[in-house]
Amino acid sequence: MNKTARFLSLAAVAAFASFGASADEADASQFATKFETSRTRAEVMAEASTVPQTSGAIPSGSRALVYSSTADRNAVNAQAVDALRTGKISSGEIGSL
């Protein structure tokens, strides 16, 4: 029984060790993109030269909207001071404890 258990445990260790032995190149070349194209270099360069003309430095989804307020700055400041004084908003790092 002791020899059988030892043999089975060695077989299990060898089986687990063989799983770690299958590795690929260190530079991850298995993930390299392989493709064939039918476009010429001149076509690609012509398309690339039009890109800066049609796009800006800021992506279109991240542009901030321009908002024009009609409120008076002094009135807004007075409302903020009043809200702070009455406890409607918190002040500092303490927050609302």
C-alpha atoms as a PDB file:
ATOM      1  CA  MET A   1       0.000   0.000   0.000  1.00  0.00           C
ATOM      2  CA  ASN A   2       2.841   2.361   0.837  1.00  0.00           C
ATOM      3  CA  LYS A   3       4.527   1.793  -2.556  1.00  0.00           C
ATOM      4  CA  THR A   4       1.243   2.329  -4.390  1.00  0.00           C
ATOM      5  CA  ALA A   5       0.527   5.583  -2.561  1.00  0.00           C
ATOM      6  CA  ARG A   6       4.066   6.837  -3.218  1.00  0.00           C
ATOM      7  CA  PHE A   7       3.813   5.920  -6.912  1.00  0.00           C
ATOM      8  CA  LEU A   8       0.437   7.657  -7.290  1.00  0.00           C
ATOM      9  CA  SER A   9       1.676  10.776  -5.516  1.00  0.00           C
ATOM     10  CA  LEU A  10       4.749  10.913  -7.782  1.00  0.00           C
ATOM     11  CA  ALA A  11       2.511  10.475 -10.823  1.00  0.00           C
ATOM     12  CA  ALA A  12       0.273  13.309  -9.622  1.00  0.00           C
ATOM     13  CA  VAL A  13       3.270  15.604  -9.042  1.00  0.00           C
ATOM     14  CA  ALA A  14       4.619  14.774 -12.495  1.00  0.00           C
ATOM     15  CA  ALA A  15       1.229  15.482 -14.070  1.00  0.00           C
ATOM     16  CA  PHE A  16       0.953  18.860 -12.343  1.00  0.00           C
ATOM     17  CA  ALA A  17       4.523  19.760 -13.258  1.00  0.00           C
ATOM     18  CA  SER A  18       3.902  18.988 -16.919  1.00  0.00           C
ATOM     19  CA  PHE A  19       1.133  21.609 -17.076  1.00  0.00           C
ATOM     20  CA  GLY A  20       3.590  24.399 -16.247  1.00  0.00           C
ATOM     21  CA  ALA A  21       6.079  23.215 -18.855  1.00  0.00           C
ATOM     22  CA  SER A  22       4.042  24.437 -21.820  1.00  0.00           C
ATOM     23  CA  ALA A  23       5.171  28.013 -22.371  1.00  0.00           C
ATOM     24  CA  ASP A  24       5.538  30.316 -25.351  1.00  0.00           C
ATOM     25  CA  GLU A  25       8.129  32.853 -26.355  1.00  0.00           C
ATOM     26  CA  ALA A  26       9.156  35.472 -23.811  1.00  0.00           C
ATOM     27  CA  ASP A  27       8.170  38.328 -26.130  1.00  0.00           C
ATOM     28  CA  ALA A  28       4.506  37.233 -26.331  1.00  0.00           C
ATOM     29  CA  SER A  29       4.746  36.650 -30.070  1.00  0.00           C
ATOM     30  CA  GLN A  30       1.657  34.442 -29.971  1.00  0.00           C
ATOM     31  CA  PHE A  31      -0.395  37.634 -29.613  1.00  0.00           C
ATOM     32  CA  ALA A  32       1.119  39.366 -32.639  1.00  0.00           C
ATOM     33  CA  THR A  33      -1.421  40.561 -35.179  1.00  0.00           C
ATOM     34  CA  LYS A  34      -1.083  38.918 -38.560  1.00  0.00           C
ATOM     35  CA  PHE A  35      -2.979  40.408 -41.480  1.00  0.00           C
ATOM     36  CA  GLU A  36      -2.750  40.919 -45.201  1.00  0.00           C
ATOM     37  CA  THR A  37      -3.850  44.090 -46.905  1.00  0.00           C
ATOM     38  CA  SER A  38      -4.680  45.017 -50.456  1.00  0.00           C
ATOM     39  CA  ARG A  39      -4.158  48.760 -50.019  1.00  0.00           C
ATOM     40  CA  THR A  40      -0.982  50.419 -51.193  1.00  0.00           C
ATOM     41  CA  ARG A  41       1.228  52.610 -49.056  1.00  0.00           C
ATOM     42  CA  ALA A  42       0.199  55.676 -51.078  1.00  0.00           C
ATOM     43  CA  GLU A  43      -3.501  55.035 -50.357  1.00  0.00           C
ATOM     44  CA  VAL A  44      -2.879  54.728 -46.648  1.00  0.00           C
ATOM     45  CA  MET A  45      -0.718  57.882 -46.571  1.00  0.00           C
ATOM     46  CA  ALA A  46      -3.384  59.828 -48.509  1.00  0.00           C
ATOM     47  CA  GLU A  47      -6.038  58.768 -45.997  1.00  0.00           C
ATOM     48  CA  ALA A  48      -3.772  59.587 -43.065  1.00  0.00           C
ATOM     49  CA  SER A  49      -3.099  63.071 -44.383  1.00  0.00           C
ATOM     50  CA  THR A  50      -6.825  63.910 -44.267  1.00  0.00           C
ATOM     51  CA  VAL A  51      -7.289  62.879 -40.625  1.00  0.00           C
ATOM     52  CA  PRO A  52      -5.932  66.059 -38.969  1.00  0.00           C
ATOM     53  CA  GLN A  53      -8.213  68.128 -41.179  1.00  0.00           C
ATOM     54  CA  THR A  54     -11.358  66.310 -40.075  1.00  0.00           C
ATOM     55  CA  SER A  55     -10.678  65.839 -36.358  1.00  0.00           C
ATOM     56  CA  GLY A  56      -9.716  68.100 -33.512  1.00  0.00           C
ATOM     57  CA  ALA A  57      -7.426  67.634 -30.535  1.00  0.00           C
ATOM     58  CA  ILE A  58     -10.404  67.087 -28.217  1.00  0.00           C
ATOM     59  CA  PRO A  59     -12.626  64.038 -28.813  1.00  0.00           C
ATOM     60  CA  SER A  60     -16.188  65.026 -29.696  1.00  0.00           C
ATOM     61  CA  GLY A  61     -17.703  63.203 -26.713  1.00  0.00           C
ATOM     62  CA  SER A  62     -15.639  65.105 -24.160  1.00  0.00           C
ATOM     63  CA  ARG A  63     -16.323  68.674 -25.156  1.00  0.00           C
ATOM     64  CA  ALA A  64     -17.805  70.836 -22.442  1.00  0.00           C
ATOM     65  CA  LEU A  65     -20.987  72.676 -23.254  1.00  0.00           C
ATOM     66  CA  VAL A  66     -20.928  76.444 -23.036  1.00  0.00           C
ATOM     67  CA  TYR A  67     -23.400  77.713 -20.470  1.00  0.00           C
ATOM     68  CA  SER A  68     -24.380  81.341 -20.036  1.00  0.00           C
ATOM     69  CA  SER A  69     -25.737  82.126 -16.602  1.00  0.00           C
ATOM     70  CA  THR A  70     -28.092  84.992 -15.894  1.00  0.00           C
ATOM     71  CA  ALA A  71     -27.534  84.852 -12.112  1.00  0.00           C
ATOM     72  CA  ASP A  72     -25.652  87.601 -10.329  1.00  0.00           C
ATOM     73  CA  ARG A  73     -22.349  86.514  -8.778  1.00  0.00           C
ATOM     74  CA  ASN A  74     -23.048  88.360  -5.514  1.00  0.00           C
ATOM     75  CA  ALA A  75     -26.480  86.752  -5.205  1.00  0.00           C
ATOM     76  CA  VAL A  76     -25.025  83.266  -5.684  1.00  0.00           C
ATOM     77  CA  ASN A  77     -22.325  83.952  -3.091  1.00  0.00           C
ATOM     78  CA  ALA A  78     -24.959  85.218  -0.626  1.00  0.00           C
ATOM     79  CA  GLN A  79     -27.027  82.059  -1.155  1.00  0.00           C
ATOM     80  CA  ALA A  80     -23.956  79.891  -0.531  1.00  0.00           C
ATOM     81  CA  VAL A  81     -23.103  81.752   2.675  1.00  0.00           C
ATOM     82  CA  ASP A  82     -26.701  81.423   3.875  1.00  0.00           C
ATOM     83  CA  ALA A  83     -26.792  77.682   3.078  1.00  0.00           C
ATOM     84  CA  LEU A  84     -23.504  77.184   4.933  1.00  0.00           C
ATOM     85  CA  ARG A  85     -24.750  79.172   7.940  1.00  0.00           C
ATOM     86  CA  THR A  86     -28.025  77.244   8.176  1.00  0.00           C
ATOM     87  CA  GLY A  87     -26.302  73.858   7.766  1.00  0.00           C
ATOM     88  CA  LYS A  88     -27.763  72.950   4.384  1.00  0.00           C
ATOM     89  CA  ILE A  89     -24.261  72.328   2.988  1.00  0.00           C
ATOM     90  CA  SER A  90     -21.116  71.123   4.747  1.00  0.00           C
ATOM     91  CA  SER A  91     -17.826  72.930   5.013  1.00  0.00           C
ATOM     92  CA  GLY A  92     -14.245  71.630   5.080  1.00  0.00           C
ATOM     93  CA  GLU A  93     -13.077  68.043   5.134  1.00  0.00           C
ATOM     94  CA  ILE A  94     -15.422  66.899   7.879  1.00  0.00           C
ATOM     95  CA  GLY A  95     -18.417  66.649   5.609  1.00  0.00           C
ATOM     96  CA  SER A  96     -21.737  65.735   7.169  1.00  0.00           C
ATOM     97  CA  LEU A  97     -20.991  63.794  10.324  1.00  0.00           C
END
